[in-house]
């Protein structure tokens, strides 16, 4: 985790996502990195998340969940008190680029964090868990990623305490 974002806050957010949040915990969501204005999150492949096609592919709603959640949490890191403030989605755009059949990893970056509204851009890639792919090391979701399965942009209402 980055020194730019308080390590204690990052640990609390990570624990909440991975262990305490009902839906995200059920999806086995993992946090790879939290920095001010950026987060990397992964939902590992699980058969329960697939469409009924052969070969199985991850349901698009899982990518949309990752886009929405990562975009909002990236904005939360921009708040003066990221644990006391709040974020609520006011608009979400998801572009599906291709089918996904492995782990899904989202990289979200804040575009703008205004007084009451913020915007994030998010890229989701699908990786085979057998591959040695360091998605968290990629610098920007706007990079030319050949393995991107979805991109998105979210607008969020910021509740500053």
C-alpha atoms as a PDB file:
ATOM      1  CA  UNK A   1       0.000   0.000   0.000  1.00  0.00           C
ATOM      2  CA  UNK A   2       1.219   3.499  -0.754  1.00  0.00           C
ATOM      3  CA  UNK A   3       2.619   5.916   1.844  1.00  0.00           C
ATOM      4  CA  UNK A   4       0.500   8.603   0.152  1.00  0.00           C
ATOM      5  CA  UNK A   5      -2.664   7.056   1.604  1.00  0.00           C
ATOM      6  CA  UNK A   6      -2.677   6.297   5.353  1.00  0.00           C
ATOM      7  CA  UNK A   7      -1.748   2.640   5.885  1.00  0.00           C
ATOM      8  CA  UNK A   8      -4.208   2.317   8.770  1.00  0.00           C
ATOM      9  CA  UNK A   9      -7.100   3.531   6.603  1.00  0.00           C
ATOM     10  CA  UNK A  10      -6.013   1.233   3.755  1.00  0.00           C
ATOM     11  CA  UNK A  11      -5.980  -1.753   6.120  1.00  0.00           C
ATOM     12  CA  UNK A  12      -9.465  -0.908   7.424  1.00  0.00           C
ATOM     13  CA  UNK A  13     -10.882  -0.554   3.896  1.00  0.00           C
ATOM     14  CA  UNK A  14      -9.198  -3.785   2.791  1.00  0.00           C
ATOM     15  CA  UNK A  15     -10.494  -5.732   5.818  1.00  0.00           C
ATOM     16  CA  UNK A  16     -14.014  -4.365   5.274  1.00  0.00           C
ATOM     17  CA  UNK A  17     -14.053  -5.387   1.602  1.00  0.00           C
ATOM     18  CA  UNK A  18     -12.438  -8.786   2.053  1.00  0.00           C
ATOM     19  CA  UNK A  19     -13.953  -9.949   5.340  1.00  0.00           C
ATOM     20  CA  UNK A  20     -16.904  -7.842   6.465  1.00  0.00           C
ATOM     21  CA  UNK A  21     -18.872  -6.660   3.420  1.00  0.00           C
ATOM     22  CA  UNK A  22     -21.531  -9.273   2.720  1.00  0.00           C
ATOM     23  CA  UNK A  23     -21.724  -9.118  -1.081  1.00  0.00           C
ATOM     24  CA  UNK A  24     -18.084  -8.286  -1.823  1.00  0.00           C
ATOM     25  CA  UNK A  25     -16.891 -10.886   0.700  1.00  0.00           C
ATOM     26  CA  UNK A  26     -19.178 -13.505  -0.874  1.00  0.00           C
ATOM     27  CA  UNK A  27     -17.571 -12.701  -4.247  1.00  0.00           C
ATOM     28  CA  UNK A  28     -14.163 -13.286  -2.570  1.00  0.00           C
ATOM     29  CA  UNK A  29     -13.068  -9.761  -3.577  1.00  0.00           C
ATOM     30  CA  UNK A  30      -9.411  -8.980  -2.875  1.00  0.00           C
ATOM     31  CA  UNK A  31      -7.655  -5.627  -2.659  1.00  0.00           C
ATOM     32  CA  UNK A  32      -4.290  -5.540  -4.422  1.00  0.00           C
ATOM     33  CA  UNK A  33      -3.337  -1.909  -3.823  1.00  0.00           C
ATOM     34  CA  UNK A  34      -4.813   1.238  -2.347  1.00  0.00           C
ATOM     35  CA  UNK A  35      -3.250   4.620  -3.019  1.00  0.00           C
ATOM     36  CA  UNK A  36      -4.616   8.129  -2.954  1.00  0.00           C
ATOM     37  CA  UNK A  37      -6.870   8.270  -6.025  1.00  0.00           C
ATOM     38  CA  UNK A  38      -6.251   4.661  -7.140  1.00  0.00           C
ATOM     39  CA  UNK A  39      -7.265   1.129  -6.188  1.00  0.00           C
ATOM     40  CA  UNK A  40      -6.691  -2.339  -7.622  1.00  0.00           C
ATOM     41  CA  UNK A  41      -9.284  -5.005  -6.798  1.00  0.00           C
ATOM     42  CA  UNK A  42      -9.704  -8.615  -7.940  1.00  0.00           C
ATOM     43  CA  UNK A  43     -12.604 -11.052  -7.976  1.00  0.00           C
ATOM     44  CA  UNK A  44     -11.230 -14.549  -8.574  1.00  0.00           C
ATOM     45  CA  UNK A  45     -12.858 -16.918 -11.053  1.00  0.00           C
ATOM     46  CA  UNK A  46     -15.587 -19.027  -9.508  1.00  0.00           C
ATOM     47  CA  UNK A  47     -18.046 -21.267 -11.327  1.00  0.00           C
ATOM     48  CA  UNK A  48     -20.952 -19.728  -9.392  1.00  0.00           C
ATOM     49  CA  UNK A  49     -20.239 -16.428 -11.207  1.00  0.00           C
ATOM     50  CA  UNK A  50     -20.441 -17.807 -14.750  1.00  0.00           C
ATOM     51  CA  UNK A  51     -22.996 -17.799 -17.526  1.00  0.00           C
ATOM     52  CA  UNK A  52     -24.431 -21.121 -18.645  1.00  0.00           C
ATOM     53  CA  UNK A  53     -22.427 -21.353 -21.861  1.00  0.00           C
ATOM     54  CA  UNK A  54     -19.627 -23.635 -22.919  1.00  0.00           C
ATOM     55  CA  UNK A  55     -16.932 -22.835 -22.133  1.00  0.00           C
ATOM     56  CA  UNK A  56     -18.159 -20.885 -19.102  1.00  0.00           C
ATOM     57  CA  UNK A  57     -17.649 -17.115 -19.034  1.00  0.00           C
ATOM     58  CA  UNK A  58     -17.943 -14.663 -16.158  1.00  0.00           C
ATOM     59  CA  UNK A  59     -21.305 -12.904 -15.978  1.00  0.00           C
ATOM     60  CA  UNK A  60     -21.039  -9.250 -17.037  1.00  0.00           C
ATOM     61  CA  UNK A  61     -22.669  -8.117 -13.816  1.00  0.00           C
ATOM     62  CA  UNK A  62     -19.554  -9.169 -11.937  1.00  0.00           C
ATOM     63  CA  UNK A  63     -17.423  -6.814 -14.057  1.00  0.00           C
ATOM     64  CA  UNK A  64     -20.010  -4.056 -13.521  1.00  0.00           C
ATOM     65  CA  UNK A  65     -19.898  -4.624  -9.758  1.00  0.00           C
ATOM     66  CA  UNK A  66     -16.114  -4.375  -9.837  1.00  0.00           C
ATOM     67  CA  UNK A  67     -16.258  -1.183 -11.915  1.00  0.00           C
ATOM     68  CA  UNK A  68     -18.795   0.451  -9.605  1.00  0.00           C
ATOM     69  CA  UNK A  69     -17.088  -0.586  -6.376  1.00  0.00           C
ATOM     70  CA  UNK A  70     -13.517   0.197  -7.413  1.00  0.00           C
ATOM     71  CA  UNK A  71     -14.515   3.578  -8.837  1.00  0.00           C
ATOM     72  CA  UNK A  72     -16.263   4.573  -5.627  1.00  0.00           C
ATOM     73  CA  UNK A  73     -13.510   3.389  -3.319  1.00  0.00           C
ATOM     74  CA  UNK A  74     -10.866   5.185  -5.382  1.00  0.00           C
ATOM     75  CA  UNK A  75     -12.836   8.387  -4.749  1.00  0.00           C
ATOM     76  CA  UNK A  76     -13.180   7.599  -1.048  1.00  0.00           C
ATOM     77  CA  UNK A  77      -9.363   7.795  -0.813  1.00  0.00           C
ATOM     78  CA  UNK A  78      -9.596  11.457  -1.860  1.00  0.00           C
ATOM     79  CA  UNK A  79     -11.778  12.461   1.092  1.00  0.00           C
ATOM     80  CA  UNK A  80     -10.174  14.221   4.064  1.00  0.00           C
ATOM     81  CA  UNK A  81     -11.471  11.400   6.262  1.00  0.00           C
ATOM     82  CA  UNK A  82     -11.965   8.380   3.966  1.00  0.00           C
ATOM     83  CA  UNK A  83     -13.528   6.340   6.767  1.00  0.00           C
ATOM     84  CA  UNK A  84     -16.105   8.903   7.903  1.00  0.00           C
ATOM     85  CA  UNK A  85     -17.157  10.333   4.536  1.00  0.00           C
ATOM     86  CA  UNK A  86     -19.345   8.575   2.034  1.00  0.00           C
ATOM     87  CA  UNK A  87     -19.708   7.885  -1.675  1.00  0.00           C
ATOM     88  CA  UNK A  88     -22.866   7.039  -3.633  1.00  0.00           C
ATOM     89  CA  UNK A  89     -23.053   6.182  -7.333  1.00  0.00           C
ATOM     90  CA  UNK A  90     -25.029   8.693  -9.399  1.00  0.00           C
ATOM     91  CA  UNK A  91     -24.073   7.426 -12.866  1.00  0.00           C
ATOM     92  CA  UNK A  92     -22.296   4.325 -14.134  1.00  0.00           C
ATOM     93  CA  UNK A  93     -21.159   3.541 -17.656  1.00  0.00           C
ATOM     94  CA  UNK A  94     -19.863   0.066 -18.511  1.00  0.00           C
ATOM     95  CA  UNK A  95     -18.417  -0.955 -21.869  1.00  0.00           C
ATOM     96  CA  UNK A  96     -18.035  -4.691 -22.408  1.00  0.00           C
ATOM     97  CA  UNK A  97     -15.160  -5.433 -24.764  1.00  0.00           C
ATOM     98  CA  UNK A  98     -14.904  -9.232 -24.771  1.00  0.00           C
ATOM     99  CA  UNK A  99     -15.813 -12.321 -22.778  1.00  0.00           C
ATOM    100  CA  UNK A 100     -14.021 -13.035 -19.520  1.00  0.00           C
ATOM    101  CA  UNK A 101     -13.082 -16.519 -18.408  1.00  0.00           C
ATOM    102  CA  UNK A 102     -10.604 -15.979 -15.571  1.00  0.00           C
ATOM    103  CA  UNK A 103      -9.992 -13.772 -12.563  1.00  0.00           C
ATOM    104  CA  UNK A 104     -11.253 -10.205 -12.984  1.00  0.00           C
ATOM    105  CA  UNK A 105      -9.023  -7.351 -11.852  1.00  0.00           C
ATOM    106  CA  UNK A 106     -10.062  -3.709 -11.876  1.00  0.00           C
ATOM    107  CA  UNK A 107      -7.779  -0.703 -11.769  1.00  0.00           C
ATOM    108  CA  UNK A 108      -9.644   2.474 -10.870  1.00  0.00           C
ATOM    109  CA  UNK A 109      -8.244   5.983 -10.986  1.00  0.00           C
ATOM    110  CA  UNK A 110      -9.867   9.235  -9.952  1.00  0.00           C
ATOM    111  CA  UNK A 111     -10.402  11.675 -12.799  1.00  0.00           C
ATOM    112  CA  UNK A 112     -11.841  14.431 -10.613  1.00  0.00           C
ATOM    113  CA  UNK A 113     -12.821  14.761  -6.983  1.00  0.00           C
ATOM    114  CA  UNK A 114     -14.847  17.943  -6.665  1.00  0.00           C
ATOM    115  CA  UNK A 115     -16.684  19.349  -3.695  1.00  0.00           C
ATOM    116  CA  UNK A 116     -19.754  17.153  -4.059  1.00  0.00           C
ATOM    117  CA  UNK A 117     -19.233  15.016  -7.184  1.00  0.00           C
ATOM    118  CA  UNK A 118     -16.317  12.854  -8.273  1.00  0.00           C
ATOM    119  CA  UNK A 119     -15.534  10.811 -11.378  1.00  0.00           C
ATOM    120  CA  UNK A 120     -13.405   7.686 -11.742  1.00  0.00           C
ATOM    121  CA  UNK A 121     -12.302   5.700 -14.765  1.00  0.00           C
ATOM    122  CA  UNK A 122     -11.924   1.947 -14.460  1.00  0.00           C
ATOM    123  CA  UNK A 123     -10.455  -0.849 -16.571  1.00  0.00           C
ATOM    124  CA  UNK A 124     -11.153  -4.533 -15.925  1.00  0.00           C
ATOM    125  CA  UNK A 125      -8.890  -7.281 -17.203  1.00  0.00           C
ATOM    126  CA  UNK A 126      -9.352 -11.041 -17.113  1.00  0.00           C
ATOM    127  CA  UNK A 127      -6.345 -13.150 -16.287  1.00  0.00           C
ATOM    128  CA  UNK A 128      -5.800 -16.854 -16.093  1.00  0.00           C
ATOM    129  CA  UNK A 129      -4.862 -17.629 -12.470  1.00  0.00           C
ATOM    130  CA  UNK A 130      -2.117 -19.910 -13.823  1.00  0.00           C
ATOM    131  CA  UNK A 131      -0.394 -16.961 -15.527  1.00  0.00           C
ATOM    132  CA  UNK A 132       2.081 -14.744 -13.694  1.00  0.00           C
ATOM    133  CA  UNK A 133       0.454 -11.389 -14.462  1.00  0.00           C
ATOM    134  CA  UNK A 134       1.133  -8.428 -12.173  1.00  0.00           C
ATOM    135  CA  UNK A 135      -1.913  -6.310 -12.932  1.00  0.00           C
ATOM    136  CA  UNK A 136      -1.365  -4.124  -9.862  1.00  0.00           C
ATOM    137  CA  UNK A 137       1.945  -2.921 -11.307  1.00  0.00           C
ATOM    138  CA  UNK A 138       0.293  -1.430 -14.386  1.00  0.00           C
ATOM    139  CA  UNK A 139       0.398   2.321 -14.223  1.00  0.00           C
ATOM    140  CA  UNK A 140      -2.930   3.437 -15.611  1.00  0.00           C
ATOM    141  CA  UNK A 141      -6.316   2.005 -16.559  1.00  0.00           C
ATOM    142  CA  UNK A 142      -6.086   4.048 -19.745  1.00  0.00           C
ATOM    143  CA  UNK A 143      -3.070   2.046 -20.921  1.00  0.00           C
ATOM    144  CA  UNK A 144      -3.422  -0.009 -24.080  1.00  0.00           C
ATOM    145  CA  UNK A 145      -4.279  -3.317 -22.449  1.00  0.00           C
ATOM    146  CA  UNK A 146      -4.923  -6.129 -24.868  1.00  0.00           C
ATOM    147  CA  UNK A 147      -6.576  -8.226 -22.179  1.00  0.00           C
ATOM    148  CA  UNK A 148      -9.184  -5.628 -21.116  1.00  0.00           C
ATOM    149  CA  UNK A 149     -12.661  -7.135 -20.911  1.00  0.00           C
ATOM    150  CA  UNK A 150     -14.500  -4.023 -19.763  1.00  0.00           C
ATOM    151  CA  UNK A 151     -13.992  -0.340 -19.153  1.00  0.00           C
ATOM    152  CA  UNK A 152     -16.140   2.095 -17.331  1.00  0.00           C
ATOM    153  CA  UNK A 153     -16.589   5.459 -15.820  1.00  0.00           C
ATOM    154  CA  UNK A 154     -18.548   6.282 -12.726  1.00  0.00           C
ATOM    155  CA  UNK A 155     -19.811   9.509 -11.260  1.00  0.00           C
ATOM    156  CA  UNK A 156     -20.312   9.543  -7.511  1.00  0.00           C
ATOM    157  CA  UNK A 157     -21.851  11.855  -4.951  1.00  0.00           C
ATOM    158  CA  UNK A 158     -19.226  12.662  -2.320  1.00  0.00           C
ATOM    159  CA  UNK A 159     -20.388  13.074   1.260  1.00  0.00           C
ATOM    160  CA  UNK A 160     -17.617  14.956   3.007  1.00  0.00           C
ATOM    161  CA  UNK A 161     -17.724  14.971   6.814  1.00  0.00           C
END
